[in-house]
Structures are given as structure tokens and as C-alpha cells.
Amino acid sequence: MLLYLDLETTGLEDDDYVCALGLILKDDKTKVYESYVKPKRKIRAEAMAIHHITNEMIKDAPKFKDTDIVKMLTTYNNEDHILVAHNINFELSMLAKEGLIWKGGIIDTLKCTRHLVEEIDRFSLQFLRYELGLYKDEKDKALELGLELQAHSALSDAFHVKLLHTYLNEMHNDEHLMSLSMEPVLIKKFAFGKYKDHYLEEVALNDSGYLQWLLSQNVDEDLEYSIKHYL
């Protein structure tokens, strides 16, 4: 079984927690689930500005372990099932913070897209939604599942993860995507900062100190791997 997961959080600091979950199960049938979660701390304003979930909306929500979604994740938490998410390490870390350690297979649609779609250099889920044309028939597919599209809602994002996974499946099967999900990606261009759209190789030659400084920051594993490669 494939489990497409997205979650929203109270923020991005070490003391932040899950405040919403979206899950799509794909086996013989496809089923969708969404739940607010009562977190261990209040939602930060900067997080509300992105996902539009307020503290008032979650005041009567169940705790993480009591949600139906978490109960399903626990039921299917074995090597026979594959969890699919965009930037899955973040999802896994937030689940682990709540005590849920995923034991099944994983497919990271972010890492797989970085490996397989070399002609682009931006990889946010919403950017890929439009760049790869996933939006073209999304309304009909969402209607089939009975869900309402809303950018940055947990269930809508899980749905777009599903569409992106289908796109990647046109190039490779799930076994290969799982393998790619475990391999570091060599990033060629910066997608942010003062060297946005510049090649990392060029920056390494002309301003290696900047790359050394970046290594001291909390960068993702692909960027860290790429910086070390070019240095």
C-alpha cells in the first residue's frame, strides 16, 4: 500500500509540533483523510500565515496519538507499505518527535524530482504543481476523491504529492524511486540567497567562504553534499 502524507506544524523550530495531518491511502481503492491536531504548543503567527490554521481552530482537536490518521499510520507501519511525502525527512522527524518511528519503505518526491528532472532548479511542491503541469486535470481527480483543493492544506498537499508521484512513476517504478530517495543529489544552482541562479561550482571558485559559512548553517543534506563536492 502507498500512503501519501503531508502535515502542517506550529512552526519550524525545535519545539514545534504537528497541528494538522492529511493522508491518502492507495491500495485497491483510494481513500482520503484529514485531521486537525491539538499540539503541545500554540501555533506561531508565521506558520498561520502559511497554512491558515489558527489556535482557535484546533482548540478542541484530538491529540496526535488519538487521531484516526495516526492510528492508521501505526497499523500500516511495516515493510509492506510505502510512505510517500515531499521532503520526507521533515515529515519523518515530526512523526518521530511524537513517538512514531516509520519502519516501512519511503519515497521522497522532492529528492526524486531533483534526481530526475534536471532542467529545473526549484522544487517546492507548489512550484512543481505548475511547472510540471500537474494542475491541468487536478480538479477532476480531486473531485473523484471528494476533496477540495486548498494550497498548503495538509490534505491538498498530500494530493499533490500523489500527482507528483504518478508523474515520477512514468519514468521509474517505486523500487527505483525508493532507491533514489536514499541517494544524495548533486545540486548545480542556488535557488536562494545572494547567489540565486548562480552555479555552485562558480561560487566555489570565487567565494568559497560563503559556501563554508553555509555549511555552518542548517542546510538540507543535498545542499550540504553539493557544497562539499564543489569545495
C-alpha atoms as a PDB file:
ATOM      1  CA  MET A   1       0.000   0.000   0.000  1.00  0.00           C
ATOM      2  CA  LEU A   2       1.046   3.562  -0.707  1.00  0.00           C
ATOM      3  CA  LEU A   3       0.446   6.217   1.947  1.00  0.00           C
ATOM      4  CA  TYR A   4       0.692   9.821   0.780  1.00  0.00           C
ATOM      5  CA  LEU A   5       1.299  12.084   3.769  1.00  0.00           C
ATOM      6  CA  ASP A   6       1.526  15.783   4.423  1.00  0.00           C
ATOM      7  CA  LEU A   7       1.460  17.599   7.723  1.00  0.00           C
ATOM      8  CA  GLU A   8       1.278  21.171   8.960  1.00  0.00           C
ATOM      9  CA  THR A   9       3.117  22.346  12.045  1.00  0.00           C
ATOM     10  CA  THR A  10       3.077  25.078  14.673  1.00  0.00           C
ATOM     11  CA  GLY A  11       6.347  26.383  13.201  1.00  0.00           C
ATOM     12  CA  LEU A  12       9.813  25.267  12.176  1.00  0.00           C
ATOM     13  CA  GLU A  13      11.708  25.447  15.467  1.00  0.00           C
ATOM     14  CA  ASP A  14      12.869  22.500  17.564  1.00  0.00           C
ATOM     15  CA  ASP A  15       9.947  22.954  19.965  1.00  0.00           C
ATOM     16  CA  ASP A  16       7.254  22.945  17.257  1.00  0.00           C
ATOM     17  CA  TYR A  17       4.763  20.135  16.658  1.00  0.00           C
ATOM     18  CA  VAL A  18       2.162  18.824  14.216  1.00  0.00           C
ATOM     19  CA  CYS A  19      -1.140  20.717  14.083  1.00  0.00           C
ATOM     20  CA  ALA A  20      -2.762  19.047  11.037  1.00  0.00           C
ATOM     21  CA  LEU A  21      -2.424  15.829   9.034  1.00  0.00           C
ATOM     22  CA  GLY A  22      -3.507  14.831   5.544  1.00  0.00           C
ATOM     23  CA  LEU A  23      -3.333  11.209   4.376  1.00  0.00           C
ATOM     24  CA  ILE A  24      -4.285   9.413   1.161  1.00  0.00           C
ATOM     25  CA  LEU A  25      -4.243   5.620   1.137  1.00  0.00           C
ATOM     26  CA  LYS A  26      -3.879   3.892  -2.219  1.00  0.00           C
ATOM     27  CA  ASP A  27      -4.469   0.166  -2.471  1.00  0.00           C
ATOM     28  CA  ASP A  28      -7.341  -1.453  -4.367  1.00  0.00           C
ATOM     29  CA  LYS A  29      -9.253   1.750  -3.567  1.00  0.00           C
ATOM     30  CA  THR A  30      -8.100   5.266  -2.759  1.00  0.00           C
ATOM     31  CA  LYS A  31      -9.262   6.867   0.493  1.00  0.00           C
ATOM     32  CA  VAL A  32      -8.577  10.340   1.889  1.00  0.00           C
ATOM     33  CA  TYR A  33      -8.332  11.519   5.483  1.00  0.00           C
ATOM     34  CA  GLU A  34      -7.657  14.849   7.168  1.00  0.00           C
ATOM     35  CA  SER A  35      -7.443  15.856  10.801  1.00  0.00           C
ATOM     36  CA  TYR A  36      -6.521  18.802  12.962  1.00  0.00           C
ATOM     37  CA  VAL A  37      -4.258  18.012  15.895  1.00  0.00           C
ATOM     38  CA  LYS A  38      -4.070  19.679  19.286  1.00  0.00           C
ATOM     39  CA  PRO A  39      -0.313  20.356  19.571  1.00  0.00           C
ATOM     40  CA  LYS A  40       1.891  20.720  22.607  1.00  0.00           C
ATOM     41  CA  ARG A  41       2.375  24.431  21.942  1.00  0.00           C
ATOM     42  CA  LYS A  42       0.496  27.291  20.283  1.00  0.00           C
ATOM     43  CA  ILE A  43       0.799  27.876  16.545  1.00  0.00           C
ATOM     44  CA  ARG A  44       3.209  30.660  15.660  1.00  0.00           C
ATOM     45  CA  ALA A  45       1.843  33.596  13.638  1.00  0.00           C
ATOM     46  CA  GLU A  46       4.321  32.976  10.802  1.00  0.00           C
ATOM     47  CA  ALA A  47       3.029  29.405  10.484  1.00  0.00           C
ATOM     48  CA  MET A  48      -0.600  30.583  10.489  1.00  0.00           C
ATOM     49  CA  ALA A  49       0.244  32.950   7.636  1.00  0.00           C
ATOM     50  CA  ILE A  50       1.221  29.939   5.511  1.00  0.00           C
ATOM     51  CA  HIS A  51      -1.344  27.249   6.339  1.00  0.00           C
ATOM     52  CA  HIS A  52      -4.098  29.487   7.786  1.00  0.00           C
ATOM     53  CA  ILE A  53      -4.748  27.187  10.743  1.00  0.00           C
ATOM     54  CA  THR A  54      -5.403  29.213  13.894  1.00  0.00           C
ATOM     55  CA  ASN A  55      -5.214  28.242  17.547  1.00  0.00           C
ATOM     56  CA  GLU A  56      -8.988  28.643  17.793  1.00  0.00           C
ATOM     57  CA  MET A  57      -9.483  26.056  15.047  1.00  0.00           C
ATOM     58  CA  ILE A  58      -7.533  23.362  16.911  1.00  0.00           C
ATOM     59  CA  LYS A  59      -8.599  24.000  20.492  1.00  0.00           C
ATOM     60  CA  ASP A  60     -10.985  21.002  20.510  1.00  0.00           C
ATOM     61  CA  ALA A  61      -8.907  18.788  18.186  1.00  0.00           C
ATOM     62  CA  PRO A  62      -7.645  15.376  19.352  1.00  0.00           C
ATOM     63  CA  LYS A  63      -4.078  14.869  20.478  1.00  0.00           C
ATOM     64  CA  PHE A  64      -1.675  13.465  17.891  1.00  0.00           C
ATOM     65  CA  LYS A  65      -1.833   9.848  19.102  1.00  0.00           C
ATOM     66  CA  ASP A  66      -5.640   9.933  19.227  1.00  0.00           C
ATOM     67  CA  THR A  67      -6.247  10.939  15.596  1.00  0.00           C
ATOM     68  CA  ASP A  68      -7.579   8.332  13.173  1.00  0.00           C
ATOM     69  CA  ILE A  69      -4.713   9.118  10.787  1.00  0.00           C
ATOM     70  CA  VAL A  70      -2.045   8.299  13.351  1.00  0.00           C
ATOM     71  CA  LYS A  71      -3.871   5.094  14.239  1.00  0.00           C
ATOM     72  CA  MET A  72      -3.793   4.128  10.530  1.00  0.00           C
ATOM     73  CA  LEU A  73      -0.125   5.054  10.192  1.00  0.00           C
ATOM     74  CA  THR A  74       0.584   2.824  13.192  1.00  0.00           C
ATOM     75  CA  THR A  75      -1.427  -0.038  11.688  1.00  0.00           C
ATOM     76  CA  TYR A  76       0.446   0.125   8.374  1.00  0.00           C
ATOM     77  CA  ASN A  77       3.858   0.838   9.886  1.00  0.00           C
ATOM     78  CA  ASN A  78       5.758  -2.122   8.446  1.00  0.00           C
ATOM     79  CA  GLU A  79       7.951  -3.019   5.472  1.00  0.00           C
ATOM     80  CA  ASP A  80       4.971  -3.995   3.309  1.00  0.00           C
ATOM     81  CA  HIS A  81       3.868  -0.370   2.925  1.00  0.00           C
ATOM     82  CA  ILE A  82       5.460   2.755   1.429  1.00  0.00           C
ATOM     83  CA  LEU A  83       5.180   6.265   2.852  1.00  0.00           C
ATOM     84  CA  VAL A  84       5.358   8.987   0.180  1.00  0.00           C
ATOM     85  CA  ALA A  85       5.969  12.649   1.013  1.00  0.00           C
ATOM     86  CA  HIS A  86       7.687  15.776  -0.320  1.00  0.00           C
ATOM     87  CA  ASN A  87      10.851  16.404   1.707  1.00  0.00           C
ATOM     88  CA  ILE A  88      10.079  13.264   3.658  1.00  0.00           C
ATOM     89  CA  ASN A  89      12.861  13.746   6.209  1.00  0.00           C
ATOM     90  CA  PHE A  90      10.890  16.639   7.675  1.00  0.00           C
ATOM     91  CA  GLU A  91       7.743  14.501   7.904  1.00  0.00           C
ATOM     92  CA  LEU A  92       9.677  11.643   9.479  1.00  0.00           C
ATOM     93  CA  SER A  93      11.320  13.933  12.017  1.00  0.00           C
ATOM     94  CA  MET A  94       7.973  15.425  13.071  1.00  0.00           C
ATOM     95  CA  LEU A  95       6.431  11.953  13.405  1.00  0.00           C
ATOM     96  CA  ALA A  96       9.429  10.803  15.433  1.00  0.00           C
ATOM     97  CA  LYS A  97       9.070  13.811  17.726  1.00  0.00           C
ATOM     98  CA  GLU A  98       5.584  12.487  18.513  1.00  0.00           C
ATOM     99  CA  GLY A  99       6.908   8.973  19.109  1.00  0.00           C
ATOM    100  CA  LEU A 100       6.035   7.419  15.732  1.00  0.00           C
ATOM    101  CA  ILE A 101       9.091   5.886  14.047  1.00  0.00           C
ATOM    102  CA  TRP A 102       8.258   4.839  10.475  1.00  0.00           C
ATOM    103  CA  LYS A 103       9.502   1.321   9.661  1.00  0.00           C
ATOM    104  CA  GLY A 104       8.219   0.884   6.112  1.00  0.00           C
ATOM    105  CA  GLY A 105       9.561   1.967   2.746  1.00  0.00           C
ATOM    106  CA  ILE A 106       9.868   5.641   1.819  1.00  0.00           C
ATOM    107  CA  ILE A 107       9.667   7.692  -1.363  1.00  0.00           C
ATOM    108  CA  ASP A 108      10.755  11.321  -1.183  1.00  0.00           C
ATOM    109  CA  THR A 109       9.177  13.111  -4.169  1.00  0.00           C
ATOM    110  CA  LEU A 110      11.446  16.122  -3.568  1.00  0.00           C
ATOM    111  CA  LYS A 111      14.661  14.119  -3.788  1.00  0.00           C
ATOM    112  CA  CYS A 112      13.389  12.006  -6.700  1.00  0.00           C
ATOM    113  CA  THR A 113      12.437  15.119  -8.678  1.00  0.00           C
ATOM    114  CA  ARG A 114      15.859  16.630  -8.031  1.00  0.00           C
ATOM    115  CA  HIS A 115      17.419  13.439  -9.394  1.00  0.00           C
ATOM    116  CA  LEU A 116      15.190  13.019 -12.433  1.00  0.00           C
ATOM    117  CA  VAL A 117      14.127  16.481 -13.626  1.00  0.00           C
ATOM    118  CA  GLU A 118      17.403  18.271 -14.233  1.00  0.00           C
ATOM    119  CA  GLU A 119      16.086  21.139 -16.360  1.00  0.00           C
ATOM    120  CA  ILE A 120      14.546  22.951 -13.375  1.00  0.00           C
ATOM    121  CA  ASP A 121      16.137  24.244 -10.200  1.00  0.00           C
ATOM    122  CA  ARG A 122      13.152  24.958  -7.948  1.00  0.00           C
ATOM    123  CA  PHE A 123      11.472  22.088  -6.203  1.00  0.00           C
ATOM    124  CA  SER A 124       8.756  23.327  -3.869  1.00  0.00           C
ATOM    125  CA  LEU A 125       5.577  21.292  -4.214  1.00  0.00           C
ATOM    126  CA  GLN A 126       3.514  24.257  -5.398  1.00  0.00           C
ATOM    127  CA  PHE A 127       6.140  25.255  -7.989  1.00  0.00           C
ATOM    128  CA  LEU A 128       6.250  21.701  -9.359  1.00  0.00           C
ATOM    129  CA  ARG A 129       2.448  21.624  -9.434  1.00  0.00           C
ATOM    130  CA  TYR A 130       2.563  24.271 -12.167  1.00  0.00           C
ATOM    131  CA  GLU A 131       5.966  23.700 -13.762  1.00  0.00           C
ATOM    132  CA  LEU A 132       5.217  20.027 -14.472  1.00  0.00           C
ATOM    133  CA  GLY A 133       1.593  20.642 -15.478  1.00  0.00           C
ATOM    134  CA  LEU A 134       0.134  18.655 -12.584  1.00  0.00           C
ATOM    135  CA  TYR A 135      -2.635  21.253 -12.265  1.00  0.00           C
ATOM    136  CA  LYS A 136      -4.142  20.551 -15.678  1.00  0.00           C
ATOM    137  CA  ASP A 137      -6.534  17.804 -14.606  1.00  0.00           C
ATOM    138  CA  GLU A 138      -6.248  18.149 -10.831  1.00  0.00           C
ATOM    139  CA  LYS A 139      -9.816  19.402 -10.357  1.00  0.00           C
ATOM    140  CA  ASP A 140     -11.342  16.300 -11.941  1.00  0.00           C
ATOM    141  CA  LYS A 141      -9.037  13.990  -9.995  1.00  0.00           C
ATOM    142  CA  ALA A 142      -9.743  15.811  -6.738  1.00  0.00           C
ATOM    143  CA  LEU A 143     -13.476  15.593  -7.408  1.00  0.00           C
ATOM    144  CA  GLU A 144     -13.162  11.833  -7.868  1.00  0.00           C
ATOM    145  CA  LEU A 145     -11.672  11.624  -4.365  1.00  0.00           C
ATOM    146  CA  GLY A 146     -14.176  14.062  -2.874  1.00  0.00           C
ATOM    147  CA  LEU A 147     -11.589  16.566  -1.705  1.00  0.00           C
ATOM    148  CA  GLU A 148     -11.399  20.339  -2.002  1.00  0.00           C
ATOM    149  CA  LEU A 149      -8.179  21.877  -3.272  1.00  0.00           C
ATOM    150  CA  GLN A 150      -6.583  24.459  -0.996  1.00  0.00           C
ATOM    151  CA  ALA A 151      -2.875  25.285  -1.258  1.00  0.00           C
ATOM    152  CA  HIS A 152      -0.912  24.449   1.895  1.00  0.00           C
ATOM    153  CA  SER A 153      -3.715  22.449   3.495  1.00  0.00           C
ATOM    154  CA  ALA A 154      -2.417  19.074   4.609  1.00  0.00           C
ATOM    155  CA  LEU A 155      -4.837  17.033   2.513  1.00  0.00           C
ATOM    156  CA  SER A 156      -4.419  19.146  -0.648  1.00  0.00           C
ATOM    157  CA  ASP A 157      -0.647  18.888  -0.358  1.00  0.00           C
ATOM    158  CA  ALA A 158      -0.879  15.118   0.156  1.00  0.00           C
ATOM    159  CA  PHE A 159      -2.993  15.035  -3.020  1.00  0.00           C
ATOM    160  CA  HIS A 160      -0.341  16.961  -4.970  1.00  0.00           C
ATOM    161  CA  VAL A 161       2.311  14.588  -3.625  1.00  0.00           C
ATOM    162  CA  LYS A 162       0.204  11.800  -5.129  1.00  0.00           C
ATOM    163  CA  LEU A 163       0.052  13.592  -8.505  1.00  0.00           C
ATOM    164  CA  LEU A 164       3.811  14.187  -8.446  1.00  0.00           C
ATOM    165  CA  HIS A 165       4.454  10.538  -7.577  1.00  0.00           C
ATOM    166  CA  THR A 166       2.327   9.484 -10.565  1.00  0.00           C
ATOM    167  CA  TYR A 167       4.417  11.799 -12.776  1.00  0.00           C
ATOM    168  CA  LEU A 168       7.644  10.237 -11.455  1.00  0.00           C
ATOM    169  CA  ASN A 169       6.235   6.738 -11.984  1.00  0.00           C
ATOM    170  CA  GLU A 170       6.170   7.471 -15.713  1.00  0.00           C
ATOM    171  CA  MET A 171       9.983   7.458 -15.537  1.00  0.00           C
ATOM    172  CA  HIS A 172      10.678   4.794 -12.911  1.00  0.00           C
ATOM    173  CA  ASN A 173       8.925   2.237 -10.745  1.00  0.00           C
ATOM    174  CA  ASP A 174       8.595   2.535  -6.981  1.00  0.00           C
ATOM    175  CA  GLU A 175      11.572   0.302  -6.263  1.00  0.00           C
ATOM    176  CA  HIS A 176      13.846   2.681  -8.165  1.00  0.00           C
ATOM    177  CA  LEU A 177      12.203   5.752  -6.590  1.00  0.00           C
ATOM    178  CA  MET A 178      12.838   4.293  -3.137  1.00  0.00           C
ATOM    179  CA  SER A 179      16.490   3.821  -4.080  1.00  0.00           C
ATOM    180  CA  LEU A 180      16.779   7.404  -5.336  1.00  0.00           C
ATOM    181  CA  SER A 181      15.183   8.629  -2.120  1.00  0.00           C
ATOM    182  CA  MET A 182      18.205   7.356  -0.211  1.00  0.00           C
ATOM    183  CA  GLU A 183      20.845   8.894  -2.510  1.00  0.00           C
ATOM    184  CA  PRO A 184      22.206  12.455  -2.144  1.00  0.00           C
ATOM    185  CA  VAL A 185      21.530  14.831  -5.028  1.00  0.00           C
ATOM    186  CA  LEU A 186      24.220  16.994  -6.619  1.00  0.00           C
ATOM    187  CA  ILE A 187      22.640  20.462  -6.825  1.00  0.00           C
ATOM    188  CA  LYS A 188      24.134  22.624  -9.566  1.00  0.00           C
ATOM    189  CA  LYS A 189      22.485  26.029  -8.998  1.00  0.00           C
ATOM    190  CA  PHE A 190      21.473  28.092  -5.999  1.00  0.00           C
ATOM    191  CA  ALA A 191      17.720  28.667  -5.719  1.00  0.00           C
ATOM    192  CA  PHE A 192      18.023  31.294  -2.975  1.00  0.00           C
ATOM    193  CA  GLY A 193      20.241  33.949  -1.420  1.00  0.00           C
ATOM    194  CA  LYS A 194      22.694  36.420  -2.928  1.00  0.00           C
ATOM    195  CA  TYR A 195      23.904  33.834  -5.433  1.00  0.00           C
ATOM    196  CA  LYS A 196      20.454  32.768  -6.620  1.00  0.00           C
ATOM    197  CA  ASP A 197      20.659  31.228 -10.136  1.00  0.00           C
ATOM    198  CA  HIS A 198      24.471  31.063  -9.911  1.00  0.00           C
ATOM    199  CA  TYR A 199      26.247  27.736 -10.278  1.00  0.00           C
ATOM    200  CA  LEU A 200      27.690  26.290  -7.076  1.00  0.00           C
ATOM    201  CA  GLU A 201      30.883  25.456  -8.958  1.00  0.00           C
ATOM    202  CA  GLU A 202      31.279  29.139  -9.878  1.00  0.00           C
ATOM    203  CA  VAL A 203      30.688  30.272  -6.287  1.00  0.00           C
ATOM    204  CA  ALA A 204      33.195  27.693  -5.018  1.00  0.00           C
ATOM    205  CA  LEU A 205      35.860  29.255  -7.248  1.00  0.00           C
ATOM    206  CA  ASN A 206      35.052  32.899  -6.460  1.00  0.00           C
ATOM    207  CA  ASP A 207      33.636  32.942  -2.929  1.00  0.00           C
ATOM    208  CA  SER A 208      34.405  29.687  -1.164  1.00  0.00           C
ATOM    209  CA  GLY A 209      33.993  31.474   2.183  1.00  0.00           C
ATOM    210  CA  TYR A 210      30.283  31.837   1.511  1.00  0.00           C
ATOM    211  CA  LEU A 211      29.979  28.106   0.980  1.00  0.00           C
ATOM    212  CA  GLN A 212      31.957  27.432   4.147  1.00  0.00           C
ATOM    213  CA  TRP A 213      29.555  29.724   6.014  1.00  0.00           C
ATOM    214  CA  LEU A 214      26.543  27.894   4.567  1.00  0.00           C
ATOM    215  CA  LEU A 215      27.928  24.608   5.873  1.00  0.00           C
ATOM    216  CA  SER A 216      27.728  26.048   9.386  1.00  0.00           C
ATOM    217  CA  GLN A 217      24.013  26.741   8.892  1.00  0.00           C
ATOM    218  CA  ASN A 218      21.150  24.263   8.987  1.00  0.00           C
ATOM    219  CA  VAL A 219      21.107  23.347   5.272  1.00  0.00           C
ATOM    220  CA  ASP A 220      19.472  20.220   3.895  1.00  0.00           C
ATOM    221  CA  GLU A 221      21.551  17.131   3.182  1.00  0.00           C
ATOM    222  CA  ASP A 222      21.538  17.579  -0.605  1.00  0.00           C
ATOM    223  CA  LEU A 223      22.890  21.118  -0.408  1.00  0.00           C
ATOM    224  CA  GLU A 224      25.480  20.048   2.169  1.00  0.00           C
ATOM    225  CA  TYR A 225      26.584  17.171  -0.086  1.00  0.00           C
ATOM    226  CA  SER A 226      26.785  19.500  -3.106  1.00  0.00           C
ATOM    227  CA  ILE A 227      28.769  22.210  -1.312  1.00  0.00           C
ATOM    228  CA  LYS A 228      31.303  19.665  -0.076  1.00  0.00           C
ATOM    229  CA  HIS A 229      31.550  18.222  -3.587  1.00  0.00           C
ATOM    230  CA  TYR A 230      32.387  21.568  -5.203  1.00  0.00           C
ATOM    231  CA  LEU A 231      34.728  22.659  -2.425  1.00  0.00           C
END
